[in-house]
């Protein structure tokens, strides 16, 4: 028997990759249209099972089917923001209980990050990489950090470096340089803890999202020089 479930998502909780504009510039109507377009492009099967509508400062997602809550859970994971201010707004207990050290580079409420560059890439763990550790996803550069959002997050291994999102503060980057995986040219991002390696994805996507190592280095090097 088909069931229905719905969720209201405030505009400020929607990801930049979905809205394609800062959330402050979006209305409920334009945000709903952007969410609908995102699902049609990225998850056509899910788009067919979801109804998207605009509310008062929110976008309403309504799922119908045998497992509507599961569909909503997947949909929300895809469209919600990755940054810390969205996470912080959802925590209603004392953060000190978690033993989290808040760095100065974390986004503060009310601040927005301007996207400088975004590309579809494949993550190759460094220095060793097995085929099952590779992850395709979106690599985004803002004024403060580099973010890798994998297309598929394996919840059972969420702590694994190969499946988790990467949030790399530019203050933590020691070096950015050209490398490779076999014959694939890669962007290497070195921190004191780990070196990240990103190369061409398995499939070529939209023209404006084509990954080019030299382009990324051209953006990164001046930003890193300012941090020193």
Protein backbone atom coordinates (compact mmCIF):
# COMPACT_ATOMS: atom_id res chain seq x y z
CA UNK A 1 0.00 0.00 0.00
CA UNK A 2 1.41 3.38 -1.01
CA UNK A 3 2.17 5.83 1.78
CA UNK A 4 3.08 9.53 1.89
CA UNK A 5 5.73 11.41 3.86
CA UNK A 6 6.90 15.00 3.59
CA UNK A 7 9.61 17.29 4.91
CA UNK A 8 10.02 21.07 4.90
CA UNK A 9 13.57 22.22 4.17
CA UNK A 10 14.44 25.89 4.95
CA UNK A 11 16.10 27.61 1.99
CA UNK A 12 19.24 28.32 4.05
CA UNK A 13 19.80 24.59 4.54
CA UNK A 14 19.97 23.86 0.80
CA UNK A 15 23.35 23.21 -0.82
CA UNK A 16 24.95 25.70 -3.16
CA UNK A 17 25.38 22.91 -5.74
CA UNK A 18 21.57 22.67 -5.79
CA UNK A 19 20.63 26.36 -5.68
CA UNK A 20 23.58 27.56 -7.82
CA UNK A 21 23.26 30.94 -6.10
CA UNK A 22 23.86 31.98 -2.47
CA UNK A 23 20.81 30.99 -0.46
CA UNK A 24 20.20 34.63 0.52
CA UNK A 25 19.42 35.37 -3.14
CA UNK A 26 16.92 32.53 -3.54
CA UNK A 27 13.16 32.64 -3.03
CA UNK A 28 11.05 29.65 -2.11
CA UNK A 29 9.86 29.43 -5.71
CA UNK A 30 13.32 29.58 -7.30
CA UNK A 31 14.68 27.18 -4.66
CA UNK A 32 11.90 24.66 -5.37
CA UNK A 33 12.60 24.90 -9.10
CA UNK A 34 16.33 24.39 -8.46
CA UNK A 35 15.68 21.33 -6.27
CA UNK A 36 13.39 19.83 -8.89
CA UNK A 37 15.96 20.47 -11.63
CA UNK A 38 18.73 18.94 -9.50
CA UNK A 39 16.81 15.71 -8.95
CA UNK A 40 15.91 15.40 -12.64
CA UNK A 41 19.57 15.82 -13.62
CA UNK A 42 21.27 13.87 -10.85
CA UNK A 43 18.68 11.32 -9.65
CA UNK A 44 15.95 10.82 -12.31
CA UNK A 45 14.52 7.76 -10.57
CA UNK A 46 14.16 9.65 -7.31
CA UNK A 47 12.70 12.67 -9.11
CA UNK A 48 9.84 10.52 -10.37
CA UNK A 49 8.85 9.58 -6.84
CA UNK A 50 9.11 13.06 -5.31
CA UNK A 51 6.86 16.09 -5.40
CA UNK A 52 8.62 19.42 -4.82
CA UNK A 53 6.74 22.58 -3.89
CA UNK A 54 7.43 26.02 -2.41
CA UNK A 55 6.24 27.12 1.03
CA UNK A 56 6.86 30.10 3.29
CA UNK A 57 10.66 30.27 3.23
CA UNK A 58 10.90 26.51 2.75
CA UNK A 59 10.91 23.88 0.05
CA UNK A 60 8.56 20.97 0.71
CA UNK A 61 9.58 17.50 -0.39
CA UNK A 62 6.76 14.94 -0.54
CA UNK A 63 7.41 11.28 -1.24
CA UNK A 64 4.88 8.61 -2.18
CA UNK A 65 5.44 4.89 -2.34
CA UNK A 66 6.13 1.82 -0.26
CA UNK A 67 9.03 3.44 1.65
CA UNK A 68 8.52 7.24 1.54
CA UNK A 69 10.64 7.96 4.63
CA UNK A 70 13.62 6.19 3.10
CA UNK A 71 13.22 8.20 -0.11
CA UNK A 72 13.04 11.43 1.86
CA UNK A 73 16.15 10.48 3.83
CA UNK A 74 18.09 9.96 0.60
CA UNK A 75 16.71 13.15 -0.95
CA UNK A 76 17.62 15.29 2.07
CA UNK A 77 21.15 13.89 2.16
CA UNK A 78 21.59 15.01 -1.45
CA UNK A 79 20.26 18.57 -1.22
CA UNK A 80 21.22 19.78 2.25
CA UNK A 81 24.29 21.94 2.80
CA UNK A 82 27.60 20.39 3.82
CA UNK A 83 28.95 23.34 5.77
CA UNK A 84 29.24 23.73 9.53
CA UNK A 85 26.67 26.45 10.05
CA UNK A 86 23.88 24.13 8.90
CA UNK A 87 25.13 21.37 11.16
CA UNK A 88 25.49 23.73 14.12
CA UNK A 89 21.90 24.94 13.76
CA UNK A 90 20.66 21.36 14.10
CA UNK A 91 22.54 20.61 17.36
CA UNK A 92 20.40 21.36 20.39
CA UNK A 93 22.70 19.97 23.10
CA UNK A 94 25.86 21.38 24.60
CA UNK A 95 28.61 20.96 21.92
CA UNK A 96 31.16 20.54 24.73
CA UNK A 97 29.70 17.09 25.37
CA UNK A 98 31.09 15.96 22.03
CA UNK A 99 34.61 17.23 22.68
CA UNK A 100 34.64 19.15 19.39
CA UNK A 101 37.34 21.76 18.91
CA UNK A 102 35.93 24.66 16.87
CA UNK A 103 38.58 26.08 14.56
CA UNK A 104 38.72 29.73 13.59
CA UNK A 105 38.30 28.75 9.95
CA UNK A 106 34.80 27.34 10.52
CA UNK A 107 32.00 29.27 8.86
CA UNK A 108 30.17 31.60 11.27
CA UNK A 109 26.37 32.02 11.19
CA UNK A 110 25.37 34.69 8.71
CA UNK A 111 28.53 34.31 6.64
CA UNK A 112 28.39 32.84 3.17
CA UNK A 113 31.21 31.34 1.15
CA UNK A 114 31.68 32.39 -2.45
CA UNK A 115 32.24 29.46 -4.77
CA UNK A 116 35.30 30.06 -6.96
CA UNK A 117 35.55 26.79 -8.87
CA UNK A 118 33.70 23.49 -9.09
CA UNK A 119 34.53 20.30 -11.00
CA UNK A 120 33.44 16.69 -11.31
CA UNK A 121 36.37 14.53 -10.14
CA UNK A 122 37.37 11.09 -8.95
CA UNK A 123 39.10 10.71 -5.58
CA UNK A 124 42.10 8.36 -5.53
CA UNK A 125 43.35 7.73 -1.94
CA UNK A 126 47.08 8.42 -1.54
CA UNK A 127 49.63 6.84 -1.44
CA UNK A 128 47.90 3.49 -2.00
CA UNK A 129 44.62 3.17 -3.86
CA UNK A 130 42.44 0.11 -4.46
CA UNK A 131 39.70 0.20 -7.10
CA UNK A 132 36.92 -0.09 -4.49
CA UNK A 133 38.26 3.00 -2.66
CA UNK A 134 37.80 5.32 -5.64
CA UNK A 135 34.91 7.77 -5.40
CA UNK A 136 33.40 10.09 -8.00
CA UNK A 137 32.03 13.39 -6.75
CA UNK A 138 32.05 17.19 -6.85
CA UNK A 139 35.17 19.14 -5.88
CA UNK A 140 34.46 22.74 -4.91
CA UNK A 141 36.78 25.61 -4.02
CA UNK A 142 35.58 28.54 -1.91
CA UNK A 143 37.49 31.44 -0.41
CA UNK A 144 38.13 29.41 2.75
CA UNK A 145 38.27 25.74 1.85
CA UNK A 146 38.18 22.84 -0.55
CA UNK A 147 35.19 20.50 -0.37
CA UNK A 148 34.76 17.07 -1.91
CA UNK A 149 31.21 15.72 -1.90
CA UNK A 150 31.05 12.09 -3.07
CA UNK A 151 28.15 11.07 -5.28
CA UNK A 152 27.61 7.99 -3.13
CA UNK A 153 28.25 7.83 0.61
CA UNK A 154 28.49 4.34 2.07
CA UNK A 155 26.99 4.79 5.52
CA UNK A 156 28.47 1.57 6.84
CA UNK A 157 31.96 3.00 6.31
CA UNK A 158 31.28 6.68 6.88
CA UNK A 159 34.50 7.05 8.87
CA UNK A 160 36.56 5.72 5.98
CA UNK A 161 38.53 8.45 4.21
CA UNK A 162 37.50 7.08 0.82
CA UNK A 163 33.75 7.45 1.39
CA UNK A 164 33.45 10.54 3.62
CA UNK A 165 33.12 14.15 2.56
CA UNK A 166 36.35 16.12 2.61
CA UNK A 167 36.32 19.60 4.16
CA UNK A 168 39.85 20.98 3.82
CA UNK A 169 40.44 24.44 5.28
CA UNK A 170 42.91 26.40 3.14
CA UNK A 171 44.79 27.31 6.34
CA UNK A 172 45.60 23.60 6.70
CA UNK A 173 46.94 23.12 3.17
CA UNK A 174 50.72 22.93 3.09
CA UNK A 175 51.09 22.40 -0.64
CA UNK A 176 49.04 21.96 -3.82
CA UNK A 177 50.75 20.39 -6.81
CA UNK A 178 50.35 18.19 -9.87
CA UNK A 179 50.54 14.41 -9.44
CA UNK A 180 49.07 11.36 -11.09
CA UNK A 181 47.43 8.01 -10.61
CA UNK A 182 48.80 5.65 -13.25
CA UNK A 183 48.51 7.95 -16.28
CA UNK A 184 45.68 10.11 -14.93
CA UNK A 185 46.81 13.69 -14.10
CA UNK A 186 45.78 14.59 -10.56
CA UNK A 187 45.53 17.52 -8.19
CA UNK A 188 47.45 16.78 -4.99
CA UNK A 189 46.41 18.64 -1.83
CA UNK A 190 48.87 18.09 1.01
CA UNK A 191 48.07 18.75 4.67
CA UNK A 192 49.99 17.75 7.79
CA UNK A 193 47.64 14.82 8.33
CA UNK A 194 46.91 13.46 4.84
CA UNK A 195 47.49 14.10 1.15
CA UNK A 196 44.37 14.10 -1.03
CA UNK A 197 44.46 13.12 -4.70
CA UNK A 198 41.80 14.06 -7.26
CA UNK A 199 41.73 13.22 -10.97
CA UNK A 200 39.37 12.80 -13.90
CA UNK A 201 36.00 11.18 -13.12
CA UNK A 202 34.86 7.92 -14.70
CA UNK A 203 32.51 9.80 -17.05
CA UNK A 204 32.70 13.25 -18.61
CA UNK A 205 29.94 15.51 -17.31
CA UNK A 206 28.83 19.07 -18.00
CA UNK A 207 31.29 21.26 -19.90
CA UNK A 208 31.62 23.84 -17.12
CA UNK A 209 32.44 21.09 -14.61
CA UNK A 210 35.30 19.49 -16.55
CA UNK A 211 38.28 18.99 -14.26
CA UNK A 212 41.57 20.62 -15.22
CA UNK A 213 44.56 20.37 -12.87
CA UNK A 214 46.23 23.53 -14.16
CA UNK A 215 43.04 25.53 -13.70
CA UNK A 216 42.76 24.37 -10.09
CA UNK A 217 46.39 25.17 -9.36
CA UNK A 218 45.91 28.59 -10.94
CA UNK A 219 43.14 29.33 -8.44
CA UNK A 220 44.72 27.63 -5.44
CA UNK A 221 48.27 28.95 -5.44
CA UNK A 222 47.38 32.65 -4.99
CA UNK A 223 44.92 31.76 -2.22
CA UNK A 224 47.50 29.64 -0.42
CA UNK A 225 50.12 32.37 -0.78
CA UNK A 226 47.77 34.79 1.01
CA UNK A 227 47.46 32.36 3.93
CA UNK A 228 51.22 32.25 4.57
